[in-house]
Amino acid sequence: MTASAPSTVRVREDFRVKYVLLNNLQDFLAVRLVWTPEGRGVCDEASLVPVVCRSPLSNLGYCRKGSTISFSVNFQILKPGLYELSQHMKLKLQFTASVSNPPPRRPAAVT
């Protein structure tokens, strides 16, 4: 998975990160993207959270081996600083040992 984002963003303004997933492993029944920030559930004060993910759970659907999925996620920075957003993005991959009737191909993403 690769990510691209603006090199600079303004505090409290939304910005978009584009992710591209190249599946060279196997067919997956479901692919989910989950935002897992540090200290999740530890601090109750929103003012202490430096980065907000606008869509912390994204269901990307079925993904065939050899296919590419492109998608975007909106973020907002609440405190100035340097942040590595991708370290908190996790892929959840659902698969089975054999799939006799895979779901129909999903249309290619146009970006």
N, C-alpha and C. Protein backbone atom coordinates (compact mmCIF):
# COMPACT_ATOMS: atom_id res chain seq x y z
N MET A 1 0.86 -1.17 0.00
CA MET A 1 0.00 0.00 0.00
C MET A 1 0.90 1.22 0.00
N THR A 2 0.56 2.19 -0.85
CA THR A 2 1.29 3.45 -0.88
C THR A 2 0.33 4.58 -0.54
N ALA A 3 0.88 5.69 -0.11
CA ALA A 3 0.06 6.85 0.26
C ALA A 3 0.71 8.11 -0.31
N SER A 4 -0.14 9.06 -0.69
CA SER A 4 0.36 10.36 -1.12
C SER A 4 -0.52 11.44 -0.51
N ALA A 5 0.13 12.52 -0.09
CA ALA A 5 -0.58 13.62 0.58
C ALA A 5 0.14 14.92 0.27
N PRO A 6 -0.54 16.04 0.50
CA PRO A 6 0.15 17.32 0.34
C PRO A 6 1.36 17.39 1.28
N SER A 7 2.43 18.04 0.86
CA SER A 7 3.63 18.12 1.71
C SER A 7 3.42 19.04 2.90
N THR A 8 2.56 20.04 2.74
CA THR A 8 2.21 20.92 3.87
C THR A 8 0.70 21.06 3.92
N VAL A 9 0.20 21.13 5.13
CA VAL A 9 -1.23 21.35 5.35
C VAL A 9 -1.39 22.40 6.43
N ARG A 10 -2.55 23.00 6.46
CA ARG A 10 -2.81 24.02 7.48
C ARG A 10 -3.55 23.41 8.66
N VAL A 11 -3.22 23.91 9.83
CA VAL A 11 -3.88 23.46 11.06
C VAL A 11 -5.37 23.75 10.95
N ARG A 12 -6.17 22.76 11.33
CA ARG A 12 -7.64 22.82 11.38
C ARG A 12 -8.31 22.84 10.01
N GLU A 13 -7.57 22.63 8.94
CA GLU A 13 -8.17 22.50 7.61
C GLU A 13 -8.08 21.05 7.17
N ASP A 14 -9.20 20.52 6.62
CA ASP A 14 -9.19 19.15 6.14
C ASP A 14 -8.25 19.00 4.94
N PHE A 15 -7.64 17.84 4.83
CA PHE A 15 -6.83 17.51 3.66
C PHE A 15 -7.03 16.03 3.36
N ARG A 16 -6.69 15.64 2.16
CA ARG A 16 -6.96 14.30 1.68
C ARG A 16 -5.65 13.53 1.45
N VAL A 17 -5.65 12.28 1.90
CA VAL A 17 -4.54 11.37 1.63
C VAL A 17 -5.06 10.29 0.68
N LYS A 18 -4.35 10.10 -0.43
CA LYS A 18 -4.75 9.08 -1.40
C LYS A 18 -3.92 7.83 -1.15
N TYR A 19 -4.61 6.71 -0.97
CA TYR A 19 -3.97 5.41 -0.77
C TYR A 19 -4.19 4.57 -2.02
N VAL A 20 -3.19 3.78 -2.37
CA VAL A 20 -3.29 2.83 -3.47
C VAL A 20 -2.84 1.47 -2.94
N LEU A 21 -3.73 0.50 -3.07
CA LEU A 21 -3.46 -0.85 -2.62
C LEU A 21 -3.28 -1.75 -3.83
N LEU A 22 -2.11 -2.37 -3.96
CA LEU A 22 -1.84 -3.34 -5.02
C LEU A 22 -1.86 -4.71 -4.37
N ASN A 23 -2.81 -5.53 -4.77
CA ASN A 23 -2.96 -6.86 -4.18
C ASN A 23 -2.20 -7.87 -5.03
N ASN A 24 -1.03 -8.29 -4.55
CA ASN A 24 -0.28 -9.34 -5.25
C ASN A 24 -0.21 -10.61 -4.40
N LEU A 25 -1.15 -10.76 -3.45
CA LEU A 25 -1.15 -11.91 -2.55
C LEU A 25 -2.14 -12.99 -2.98
N GLN A 26 -3.43 -12.69 -2.89
CA GLN A 26 -4.50 -13.64 -3.21
C GLN A 26 -5.82 -12.89 -3.26
N ASP A 27 -6.90 -13.59 -3.65
CA ASP A 27 -8.23 -12.97 -3.62
C ASP A 27 -8.64 -12.76 -2.17
N PHE A 28 -9.20 -11.58 -1.89
CA PHE A 28 -9.71 -11.28 -0.55
C PHE A 28 -11.21 -11.03 -0.64
N LEU A 29 -11.96 -11.64 0.26
CA LEU A 29 -13.41 -11.44 0.30
C LEU A 29 -13.77 -10.03 0.75
N ALA A 30 -12.97 -9.48 1.65
CA ALA A 30 -13.23 -8.13 2.15
C ALA A 30 -11.90 -7.49 2.54
N VAL A 31 -11.81 -6.21 2.22
CA VAL A 31 -10.65 -5.41 2.61
C VAL A 31 -11.18 -4.20 3.36
N ARG A 32 -10.65 -3.98 4.56
CA ARG A 32 -11.06 -2.82 5.36
C ARG A 32 -9.82 -2.03 5.75
N LEU A 33 -9.98 -0.73 5.81
CA LEU A 33 -8.92 0.15 6.26
C LEU A 33 -9.36 0.73 7.60
N VAL A 34 -8.51 0.59 8.62
CA VAL A 34 -8.88 1.01 9.97
C VAL A 34 -7.82 1.97 10.51
N TRP A 35 -8.27 3.12 11.01
CA TRP A 35 -7.41 4.12 11.64
C TRP A 35 -7.24 3.73 13.10
N THR A 36 -6.00 3.53 13.56
CA THR A 36 -5.72 3.12 14.93
C THR A 36 -4.67 4.05 15.54
N PRO A 37 -5.09 5.24 15.97
CA PRO A 37 -4.13 6.19 16.53
C PRO A 37 -3.59 5.74 17.89
N GLU A 38 -2.42 6.27 18.23
CA GLU A 38 -1.83 5.98 19.54
C GLU A 38 -2.70 6.56 20.64
N GLY A 39 -2.72 5.89 21.78
CA GLY A 39 -3.45 6.40 22.93
C GLY A 39 -4.95 6.38 22.76
N ARG A 40 -5.43 5.59 21.81
CA ARG A 40 -6.87 5.52 21.57
C ARG A 40 -7.58 5.08 22.84
N GLY A 41 -8.56 5.84 23.25
CA GLY A 41 -9.33 5.52 24.44
C GLY A 41 -8.67 5.96 25.73
N VAL A 42 -7.45 6.48 25.66
CA VAL A 42 -6.74 6.89 26.87
C VAL A 42 -7.10 8.30 27.27
N CYS A 43 -7.16 9.22 26.29
CA CYS A 43 -7.45 10.61 26.65
C CYS A 43 -8.87 10.96 26.24
N ASP A 44 -9.57 11.63 27.14
CA ASP A 44 -10.94 12.03 26.88
C ASP A 44 -11.03 13.41 26.26
N GLU A 45 -9.98 14.19 26.36
CA GLU A 45 -10.01 15.56 25.88
C GLU A 45 -9.64 15.62 24.42
N ALA A 46 -10.56 16.08 23.56
CA ALA A 46 -10.30 16.16 22.12
C ALA A 46 -9.14 17.09 21.81
N SER A 47 -8.88 18.06 22.70
CA SER A 47 -7.80 19.01 22.45
C SER A 47 -6.42 18.35 22.52
N LEU A 48 -6.32 17.15 23.12
CA LEU A 48 -5.05 16.46 23.22
C LEU A 48 -4.74 15.60 21.99
N VAL A 49 -5.72 15.37 21.14
CA VAL A 49 -5.54 14.54 19.95
C VAL A 49 -5.03 15.42 18.82
N PRO A 50 -3.81 15.16 18.30
CA PRO A 50 -3.25 16.05 17.28
C PRO A 50 -3.78 15.82 15.86
N VAL A 51 -4.28 14.60 15.56
CA VAL A 51 -4.75 14.27 14.21
C VAL A 51 -6.12 13.63 14.30
N VAL A 52 -7.03 14.08 13.43
CA VAL A 52 -8.38 13.51 13.36
C VAL A 52 -8.55 12.86 12.00
N CYS A 53 -8.98 11.60 12.00
CA CYS A 53 -9.31 10.91 10.76
C CYS A 53 -10.81 11.01 10.57
N ARG A 54 -11.24 11.54 9.43
CA ARG A 54 -12.67 11.76 9.18
C ARG A 54 -13.43 10.49 8.85
N SER A 55 -12.74 9.45 8.40
CA SER A 55 -13.40 8.16 8.13
C SER A 55 -12.49 7.05 8.68
N PRO A 56 -12.58 6.80 10.00
CA PRO A 56 -11.66 5.87 10.64
C PRO A 56 -11.85 4.40 10.24
N LEU A 57 -12.97 4.07 9.59
CA LEU A 57 -13.20 2.71 9.12
C LEU A 57 -13.74 2.79 7.70
N SER A 58 -13.01 2.22 6.76
CA SER A 58 -13.43 2.22 5.36
C SER A 58 -13.52 0.79 4.87
N ASN A 59 -14.70 0.39 4.38
CA ASN A 59 -14.88 -0.94 3.81
C ASN A 59 -14.64 -0.82 2.31
N LEU A 60 -13.56 -1.43 1.83
CA LEU A 60 -13.17 -1.31 0.43
C LEU A 60 -13.72 -2.44 -0.43
N GLY A 61 -14.33 -3.45 0.20
CA GLY A 61 -14.98 -4.52 -0.55
C GLY A 61 -14.04 -5.63 -0.98
N TYR A 62 -14.48 -6.39 -1.99
CA TYR A 62 -13.76 -7.55 -2.52
C TYR A 62 -12.54 -7.08 -3.32
N CYS A 63 -11.47 -7.86 -3.28
CA CYS A 63 -10.25 -7.48 -4.00
C CYS A 63 -9.60 -8.73 -4.59
N ARG A 64 -9.57 -8.82 -5.92
CA ARG A 64 -8.94 -9.97 -6.59
C ARG A 64 -7.42 -9.83 -6.62
N LYS A 65 -6.75 -10.96 -6.64
CA LYS A 65 -5.29 -10.96 -6.77
C LYS A 65 -4.92 -10.26 -8.08
N GLY A 66 -3.93 -9.39 -8.03
CA GLY A 66 -3.48 -8.67 -9.21
C GLY A 66 -4.20 -7.35 -9.45
N SER A 67 -5.21 -7.05 -8.63
CA SER A 67 -5.96 -5.80 -8.83
C SER A 67 -5.41 -4.68 -7.95
N THR A 68 -5.81 -3.47 -8.30
CA THR A 68 -5.40 -2.27 -7.57
C THR A 68 -6.65 -1.53 -7.13
N ILE A 69 -6.65 -1.06 -5.89
CA ILE A 69 -7.75 -0.26 -5.37
C ILE A 69 -7.18 1.10 -4.96
N SER A 70 -7.82 2.17 -5.43
CA SER A 70 -7.45 3.53 -5.03
C SER A 70 -8.57 4.12 -4.20
N PHE A 71 -8.22 4.80 -3.13
CA PHE A 71 -9.23 5.41 -2.27
C PHE A 71 -8.59 6.56 -1.51
N SER A 72 -9.42 7.47 -1.04
CA SER A 72 -8.93 8.65 -0.30
C SER A 72 -9.55 8.71 1.07
N VAL A 73 -8.79 9.26 2.01
CA VAL A 73 -9.25 9.44 3.38
C VAL A 73 -8.97 10.89 3.78
N ASN A 74 -9.95 11.53 4.39
CA ASN A 74 -9.79 12.92 4.85
C ASN A 74 -9.28 12.95 6.28
N PHE A 75 -8.36 13.88 6.53
CA PHE A 75 -7.78 14.09 7.85
C PHE A 75 -7.84 15.56 8.20
N GLN A 76 -7.62 15.84 9.48
CA GLN A 76 -7.47 17.21 9.94
C GLN A 76 -6.39 17.21 11.02
N ILE A 77 -5.45 18.15 10.91
CA ILE A 77 -4.39 18.32 11.90
C ILE A 77 -4.85 19.40 12.88
N LEU A 78 -4.81 19.09 14.17
CA LEU A 78 -5.26 20.04 15.19
C LEU A 78 -4.10 20.77 15.86
N LYS A 79 -2.90 20.20 15.77
CA LYS A 79 -1.72 20.83 16.38
C LYS A 79 -0.59 20.81 15.37
N PRO A 80 0.17 21.90 15.27
CA PRO A 80 1.31 21.90 14.34
C PRO A 80 2.30 20.80 14.71
N GLY A 81 2.94 20.23 13.70
CA GLY A 81 3.94 19.20 13.95
C GLY A 81 4.16 18.36 12.71
N LEU A 82 4.99 17.36 12.85
CA LEU A 82 5.29 16.41 11.78
C LEU A 82 4.66 15.08 12.17
N TYR A 83 3.78 14.54 11.31
CA TYR A 83 3.04 13.32 11.65
C TYR A 83 3.21 12.28 10.56
N GLU A 84 3.35 11.03 10.98
CA GLU A 84 3.41 9.89 10.07
C GLU A 84 2.04 9.21 10.13
N LEU A 85 1.15 9.56 9.19
CA LEU A 85 -0.22 9.07 9.25
C LEU A 85 -0.33 7.59 8.92
N SER A 86 0.48 7.11 8.01
CA SER A 86 0.34 5.73 7.55
C SER A 86 0.66 4.70 8.62
N GLN A 87 1.44 5.06 9.62
CA GLN A 87 1.76 4.09 10.67
C GLN A 87 0.52 3.71 11.48
N HIS A 88 -0.52 4.53 11.43
CA HIS A 88 -1.75 4.24 12.18
C HIS A 88 -2.85 3.66 11.30
N MET A 89 -2.60 3.50 10.00
CA MET A 89 -3.57 2.91 9.09
C MET A 89 -3.30 1.42 8.98
N LYS A 90 -4.27 0.62 9.31
CA LYS A 90 -4.11 -0.83 9.26
C LYS A 90 -5.07 -1.42 8.24
N LEU A 91 -4.59 -2.42 7.50
CA LEU A 91 -5.43 -3.16 6.57
C LEU A 91 -5.95 -4.41 7.27
N LYS A 92 -7.24 -4.65 7.18
CA LYS A 92 -7.84 -5.87 7.69
C LYS A 92 -8.27 -6.67 6.46
N LEU A 93 -7.70 -7.85 6.29
CA LEU A 93 -7.94 -8.67 5.10
C LEU A 93 -8.71 -9.92 5.49
N GLN A 94 -9.85 -10.15 4.82
CA GLN A 94 -10.66 -11.34 5.09
C GLN A 94 -10.55 -12.27 3.90
N PHE A 95 -10.21 -13.53 4.16
CA PHE A 95 -10.08 -14.49 3.08
C PHE A 95 -10.44 -15.87 3.59
N THR A 96 -10.63 -16.81 2.67
CA THR A 96 -10.85 -18.21 3.02
C THR A 96 -9.83 -19.04 2.25
N ALA A 97 -9.69 -20.30 2.65
CA ALA A 97 -8.73 -21.17 1.98
C ALA A 97 -9.10 -21.41 0.52
N SER A 98 -10.40 -21.53 0.24
CA SER A 98 -10.84 -21.68 -1.15
C SER A 98 -12.17 -20.97 -1.32
N VAL A 99 -12.33 -20.34 -2.46
CA VAL A 99 -13.56 -19.62 -2.76
C VAL A 99 -14.15 -20.23 -4.01
N SER A 100 -15.29 -20.95 -3.86
CA SER A 100 -15.89 -21.60 -5.02
C SER A 100 -16.68 -20.62 -5.88
N ASN A 101 -17.35 -19.66 -5.26
CA ASN A 101 -18.14 -18.67 -5.99
C ASN A 101 -17.77 -17.27 -5.52
N PRO A 102 -16.70 -16.68 -6.06
CA PRO A 102 -16.32 -15.34 -5.62
C PRO A 102 -17.35 -14.31 -6.06
N PRO A 103 -17.43 -13.20 -5.35
CA PRO A 103 -18.36 -12.14 -5.74
C PRO A 103 -17.99 -11.61 -7.13
N PRO A 104 -18.93 -10.97 -7.82
CA PRO A 104 -18.62 -10.42 -9.14
C PRO A 104 -17.54 -9.36 -9.04
N ARG A 105 -16.83 -9.15 -10.13
CA ARG A 105 -15.77 -8.13 -10.15
C ARG A 105 -16.37 -6.78 -9.86
N ARG A 106 -15.68 -6.01 -9.05
CA ARG A 106 -16.15 -4.66 -8.79
C ARG A 106 -15.58 -3.73 -9.85
N PRO A 107 -16.31 -2.68 -10.19
CA PRO A 107 -15.81 -1.77 -11.23
C PRO A 107 -14.51 -1.10 -10.80
N ALA A 108 -13.69 -0.78 -11.76
CA ALA A 108 -12.41 -0.12 -11.47
C ALA A 108 -12.66 1.27 -10.94
N ALA A 109 -11.86 1.68 -9.97
CA ALA A 109 -11.98 3.02 -9.40
C ALA A 109 -11.42 4.04 -10.39
N VAL A 110 -12.15 5.13 -10.56
CA VAL A 110 -11.70 6.21 -11.42
C VAL A 110 -11.36 7.38 -10.53
N THR A 111 -10.12 7.81 -10.60
CA THR A 111 -9.70 8.93 -9.75
C THR A 111 -9.13 10.04 -10.58
